[in-house]
N, C-alpha and C. Protein backbone atom coordinates (compact mmCIF):
# COMPACT_ATOMS: atom_id res chain seq x y z
N MET A 1 2.07 155.10 -109.51
CA MET A 1 2.38 153.88 -110.00
C MET A 1 1.82 152.77 -108.94
N LYS A 2 1.27 151.73 -109.53
CA LYS A 2 0.84 150.65 -108.70
C LYS A 2 1.92 149.64 -108.56
N LYS A 3 1.92 149.14 -107.17
CA LYS A 3 2.92 148.19 -107.00
C LYS A 3 2.39 146.84 -107.28
N LYS A 4 3.18 145.97 -107.77
CA LYS A 4 2.76 144.64 -108.15
C LYS A 4 2.69 143.78 -106.83
N GLN A 5 1.69 143.12 -106.75
CA GLN A 5 1.63 142.23 -105.49
C GLN A 5 2.32 140.93 -105.87
N GLN A 6 3.18 140.50 -105.05
CA GLN A 6 3.85 139.25 -105.17
C GLN A 6 3.13 138.23 -104.34
N HIS A 7 2.80 137.11 -105.01
CA HIS A 7 2.16 135.95 -104.35
C HIS A 7 3.21 134.84 -104.06
N ASP A 8 3.10 134.26 -102.91
CA ASP A 8 4.03 133.27 -102.57
C ASP A 8 3.49 132.03 -103.33
N SER A 9 4.32 131.49 -104.25
CA SER A 9 3.78 130.29 -104.97
C SER A 9 4.05 129.00 -104.19
N THR A 10 4.63 129.05 -103.03
CA THR A 10 4.85 127.96 -102.15
C THR A 10 3.50 127.38 -101.63
N ALA A 11 3.23 126.18 -101.78
CA ALA A 11 2.06 125.54 -101.21
C ALA A 11 2.23 125.55 -99.69
N PRO A 12 1.05 125.56 -98.88
CA PRO A 12 1.11 125.56 -97.41
C PRO A 12 1.78 124.25 -96.94
N ASP A 13 1.58 123.19 -97.66
CA ASP A 13 2.19 121.89 -97.21
C ASP A 13 3.73 122.05 -97.32
N GLU A 14 4.30 122.62 -98.36
CA GLU A 14 5.74 122.92 -98.51
C GLU A 14 6.35 123.73 -97.40
N ARG A 15 5.53 124.78 -97.11
CA ARG A 15 6.03 125.62 -96.04
C ARG A 15 6.04 124.99 -94.68
N SER A 16 4.99 124.22 -94.44
CA SER A 16 5.05 123.50 -93.11
C SER A 16 6.08 122.46 -93.03
N THR A 17 6.37 121.87 -94.17
CA THR A 17 7.47 120.85 -94.30
C THR A 17 8.89 121.49 -93.94
N ARG A 18 8.99 122.75 -94.75
CA ARG A 18 10.20 123.50 -94.41
C ARG A 18 10.35 123.94 -92.98
N GLY A 19 9.32 124.37 -92.37
CA GLY A 19 9.29 124.84 -91.03
C GLY A 19 9.69 123.63 -90.09
N THR A 20 9.08 122.54 -90.35
CA THR A 20 9.40 121.33 -89.52
C THR A 20 10.83 120.83 -89.69
N LEU A 21 11.36 121.00 -90.91
CA LEU A 21 12.73 120.63 -91.11
C LEU A 21 13.69 121.62 -90.45
N LEU A 22 13.36 122.89 -90.50
CA LEU A 22 14.23 123.95 -89.88
C LEU A 22 14.07 123.71 -88.31
N ASN A 23 12.93 123.38 -87.84
CA ASN A 23 12.82 123.12 -86.39
C ASN A 23 13.66 121.98 -85.98
N ALA A 24 13.66 120.93 -86.74
CA ALA A 24 14.48 119.81 -86.44
C ALA A 24 15.91 120.09 -86.41
N VAL A 25 16.39 120.91 -87.35
CA VAL A 25 17.81 121.29 -87.46
C VAL A 25 18.26 122.12 -86.26
N VAL A 26 17.25 123.11 -85.84
CA VAL A 26 17.56 123.89 -84.61
C VAL A 26 17.61 123.04 -83.40
N VAL A 27 16.82 122.11 -83.27
CA VAL A 27 16.72 121.21 -82.01
C VAL A 27 18.04 120.41 -82.07
N ALA A 28 18.47 119.82 -83.15
CA ALA A 28 19.54 118.94 -83.22
C ALA A 28 20.78 119.86 -82.85
N GLY A 29 20.91 121.07 -83.38
CA GLY A 29 22.05 121.88 -83.10
C GLY A 29 22.02 122.26 -81.68
N SER A 30 20.96 122.55 -81.08
CA SER A 30 20.92 122.84 -79.61
C SER A 30 21.30 121.69 -78.75
N LEU A 31 20.92 120.48 -79.15
CA LEU A 31 21.24 119.28 -78.38
C LEU A 31 22.79 119.06 -78.48
N GLY A 32 23.36 119.19 -79.65
CA GLY A 32 24.82 119.07 -79.83
C GLY A 32 25.58 120.11 -79.00
N MET A 33 25.10 121.34 -79.01
CA MET A 33 25.80 122.45 -78.29
C MET A 33 25.61 122.17 -76.71
N THR A 34 24.59 121.62 -76.26
CA THR A 34 24.43 121.25 -74.90
C THR A 34 25.35 120.26 -74.44
N LEU A 35 25.52 119.24 -75.27
CA LEU A 35 26.45 118.12 -74.89
C LEU A 35 27.91 118.64 -74.81
N PHE A 36 28.33 119.51 -75.87
CA PHE A 36 29.58 120.10 -76.05
C PHE A 36 30.01 120.95 -74.84
N VAL A 37 28.99 121.85 -74.40
CA VAL A 37 29.21 122.73 -73.18
C VAL A 37 29.45 121.90 -71.92
N CYS A 38 28.61 120.82 -71.79
CA CYS A 38 28.70 120.09 -70.50
C CYS A 38 30.12 119.42 -70.44
N ILE A 39 30.48 118.83 -71.47
CA ILE A 39 31.85 118.06 -71.50
C ILE A 39 32.86 119.13 -71.37
N CYS A 40 32.86 120.15 -71.95
CA CYS A 40 33.98 121.25 -71.80
C CYS A 40 34.00 121.72 -70.42
N THR A 41 32.90 122.00 -69.90
CA THR A 41 32.86 122.48 -68.52
C THR A 41 33.57 121.43 -67.54
N GLY A 42 33.20 120.09 -67.80
CA GLY A 42 33.85 119.08 -66.93
C GLY A 42 35.28 119.08 -67.08
N VAL A 43 35.78 119.27 -68.46
CA VAL A 43 37.27 119.19 -68.76
C VAL A 43 37.85 120.28 -67.97
N PHE A 44 37.46 121.55 -68.10
CA PHE A 44 38.12 122.63 -67.48
C PHE A 44 38.01 122.66 -65.93
N LEU A 45 36.89 122.18 -65.49
CA LEU A 45 36.75 122.04 -63.97
C LEU A 45 37.81 120.91 -63.45
N GLY A 46 37.93 119.84 -64.16
CA GLY A 46 38.84 118.86 -63.79
C GLY A 46 40.28 119.24 -63.94
N LYS A 47 40.62 120.02 -64.96
CA LYS A 47 42.00 120.54 -65.00
C LYS A 47 42.27 121.48 -63.81
N TRP A 48 41.34 122.36 -63.51
CA TRP A 48 41.54 123.28 -62.40
C TRP A 48 41.65 122.60 -61.12
N LEU A 49 40.77 121.63 -60.89
CA LEU A 49 40.92 120.75 -59.72
C LEU A 49 42.21 120.13 -59.56
N ASP A 50 42.74 119.64 -60.58
CA ASP A 50 44.06 118.92 -60.66
C ASP A 50 45.15 119.90 -60.44
N GLU A 51 45.11 121.04 -60.79
CA GLU A 51 46.17 122.11 -60.56
C GLU A 51 46.10 122.47 -59.06
N VAL A 52 44.86 122.72 -58.57
CA VAL A 52 44.71 123.18 -57.14
C VAL A 52 44.99 122.01 -56.06
N LEU A 53 44.61 120.88 -56.45
CA LEU A 53 44.77 119.71 -55.45
C LEU A 53 45.93 118.77 -55.66
N GLY A 54 46.60 119.05 -56.92
CA GLY A 54 47.65 118.18 -57.28
C GLY A 54 47.32 116.67 -57.42
N THR A 55 46.09 116.42 -58.07
CA THR A 55 45.64 114.99 -58.20
C THR A 55 45.63 114.60 -59.59
N SER A 56 46.45 115.11 -60.40
CA SER A 56 46.53 114.83 -61.91
C SER A 56 46.64 113.25 -62.10
N PRO A 57 45.93 112.74 -62.92
CA PRO A 57 44.90 113.11 -63.88
C PRO A 57 43.40 112.80 -63.49
N TRP A 58 43.31 112.46 -62.11
CA TRP A 58 42.05 111.91 -61.51
C TRP A 58 40.92 112.99 -61.62
N GLY A 59 41.27 114.23 -61.37
CA GLY A 59 40.20 115.35 -61.33
C GLY A 59 39.65 115.49 -62.81
N LEU A 60 40.57 115.47 -63.76
CA LEU A 60 40.25 115.60 -65.19
C LEU A 60 39.35 114.44 -65.62
N ILE A 61 39.74 113.17 -65.24
CA ILE A 61 38.94 112.01 -65.62
C ILE A 61 37.57 112.09 -65.04
N PHE A 62 37.55 112.36 -63.68
CA PHE A 62 36.23 112.26 -63.01
C PHE A 62 35.31 113.37 -63.51
N CYS A 63 35.76 114.60 -63.58
CA CYS A 63 35.01 115.73 -64.07
C CYS A 63 34.54 115.57 -65.51
N SER A 64 35.45 115.08 -66.34
CA SER A 64 35.09 114.77 -67.77
C SER A 64 33.97 113.83 -67.90
N LEU A 65 33.92 112.76 -67.11
CA LEU A 65 32.97 111.73 -67.06
C LEU A 65 31.74 112.29 -66.56
N LEU A 66 31.79 113.19 -65.46
CA LEU A 66 30.68 113.77 -64.88
C LEU A 66 30.04 114.76 -65.86
N GLY A 67 30.82 115.49 -66.61
CA GLY A 67 30.29 116.36 -67.59
C GLY A 67 29.60 115.61 -68.81
N ALA A 68 30.07 114.52 -69.17
CA ALA A 68 29.51 113.70 -70.27
C ALA A 68 28.16 113.10 -69.71
N VAL A 69 28.13 112.60 -68.56
CA VAL A 69 26.94 112.02 -68.00
C VAL A 69 25.87 113.03 -67.91
N SER A 70 26.24 114.26 -67.29
CA SER A 70 25.31 115.32 -67.22
C SER A 70 24.82 115.82 -68.54
N GLY A 71 25.59 115.78 -69.47
CA GLY A 71 25.22 116.23 -70.91
C GLY A 71 24.28 115.27 -71.53
N PHE A 72 24.49 114.02 -71.40
CA PHE A 72 23.52 113.06 -71.90
C PHE A 72 22.33 112.91 -71.19
N TRP A 73 22.37 113.21 -69.80
CA TRP A 73 21.17 113.22 -69.05
C TRP A 73 20.30 114.44 -69.55
N SER A 74 20.93 115.60 -69.88
CA SER A 74 20.16 116.78 -70.33
C SER A 74 19.62 116.45 -71.63
N LEU A 75 20.26 115.76 -72.49
CA LEU A 75 19.74 115.44 -73.81
C LEU A 75 18.57 114.58 -73.64
N TYR A 76 18.62 113.64 -72.89
CA TYR A 76 17.53 112.69 -72.53
C TYR A 76 16.33 113.40 -72.06
N LYS A 77 16.49 114.24 -71.20
CA LYS A 77 15.41 115.03 -70.68
C LYS A 77 14.74 115.88 -71.78
N ARG A 78 15.54 116.54 -72.60
CA ARG A 78 15.12 117.35 -73.75
C ARG A 78 14.32 116.56 -74.69
N VAL A 79 14.89 115.39 -75.10
CA VAL A 79 14.16 114.54 -76.09
C VAL A 79 12.83 114.13 -75.47
N LEU A 80 12.71 113.78 -74.24
CA LEU A 80 11.44 113.30 -73.62
C LEU A 80 10.43 114.40 -73.58
N SER A 81 10.88 115.72 -73.16
CA SER A 81 9.94 116.75 -73.18
C SER A 81 9.46 117.09 -74.65
N SER A 82 10.32 116.94 -75.67
CA SER A 82 9.97 117.24 -77.02
C SER A 82 9.00 116.23 -77.51
N ILE A 83 9.21 114.88 -77.10
CA ILE A 83 8.28 113.91 -77.50
C ILE A 83 6.89 114.11 -76.89
N ASP A 84 6.97 114.62 -75.55
CA ASP A 84 5.60 114.90 -74.87
C ASP A 84 4.94 116.01 -75.49
N GLY A 85 5.76 117.06 -75.84
CA GLY A 85 5.18 118.24 -76.51
C GLY A 85 4.50 117.87 -77.83
N ASP A 86 5.14 117.06 -78.67
CA ASP A 86 4.71 116.69 -79.98
C ASP A 86 3.48 115.96 -79.80
N SER A 87 3.39 114.94 -78.94
CA SER A 87 2.14 114.12 -78.79
C SER A 87 1.04 114.97 -78.22
N ARG A 88 1.25 115.92 -77.40
CA ARG A 88 0.13 116.81 -76.88
C ARG A 88 -0.23 117.68 -78.03
N HIS A 89 0.61 118.28 -78.78
CA HIS A 89 0.25 119.07 -79.91
C HIS A 89 -0.63 118.32 -81.00
N SER A 90 -0.15 117.11 -81.29
CA SER A 90 -0.96 116.32 -82.29
C SER A 90 -2.30 115.99 -81.80
N SER A 91 -2.46 115.70 -80.50
CA SER A 91 -3.71 115.37 -79.97
C SER A 91 -4.55 116.58 -79.89
N ASP A 92 -4.11 117.61 -79.45
CA ASP A 92 -4.85 118.92 -79.46
C ASP A 92 -5.30 119.29 -80.92
N HIS A 93 -4.44 119.10 -81.96
CA HIS A 93 -4.70 119.44 -83.30
C HIS A 93 -5.78 118.58 -83.79
N ASN A 94 -5.77 117.20 -83.46
CA ASN A 94 -6.86 116.27 -83.98
C ASN A 94 -8.09 116.66 -83.19
N ALA A 95 -8.15 117.04 -81.94
CA ALA A 95 -9.41 117.47 -81.29
C ALA A 95 -9.97 118.64 -81.95
N GLN A 96 -9.22 119.62 -82.32
CA GLN A 96 -9.67 120.87 -82.90
C GLN A 96 -10.35 120.46 -84.39
N GLU A 97 -9.65 119.58 -85.04
CA GLU A 97 -10.14 119.25 -86.41
C GLU A 97 -11.53 118.57 -86.21
N GLY A 98 -11.79 117.66 -85.15
CA GLY A 98 -12.96 116.99 -84.96
C GLY A 98 -14.06 118.05 -84.61
N ARG A 99 -13.70 118.98 -83.80
CA ARG A 99 -14.73 120.00 -83.44
C ARG A 99 -15.11 120.89 -84.79
N TRP A 100 -14.23 121.12 -85.67
CA TRP A 100 -14.48 121.86 -86.82
C TRP A 100 -15.37 121.04 -87.80
N LYS A 101 -15.05 119.74 -87.80
CA LYS A 101 -15.91 118.96 -88.75
C LYS A 101 -17.32 118.78 -88.20
N ASN A 102 -17.45 118.72 -86.90
CA ASN A 102 -18.76 118.52 -86.36
C ASN A 102 -19.56 119.79 -86.27
N SER A 103 -18.95 120.87 -86.52
CA SER A 103 -19.79 122.20 -86.55
C SER A 103 -20.60 122.42 -87.67
C-alpha cells in the first residue's frame, strides 16, 4: 500500500507568525516567573532573618523590596538583550536579502 503524503496547507507566513506569537508568549511567561521567584526569595529570606535576628517586620520589608528591585532589574536586562538581539537579527536578515538580490 502507498502512504498518502500529507501536505501542510499552512502558508509560510502563517507559520512564522505563529512561531513569533509562541515566542512572545514564552518570553512573557519567563519574565513573569523571574519576577515571581525574585520576590518570593526576598519574602522567605526576610522572614528567616526576622526569626533569627528578632527584627520583625524590618527584615521582611527590606528583603521583599530588595527582591522586587532585583526582579525588575533582571526584567529590564532581559528586555534590553531581547531588543538588541532582535535588531541584530533583522539587520543580519536584511543584509542577507541584499546579497541574494545582488547575486
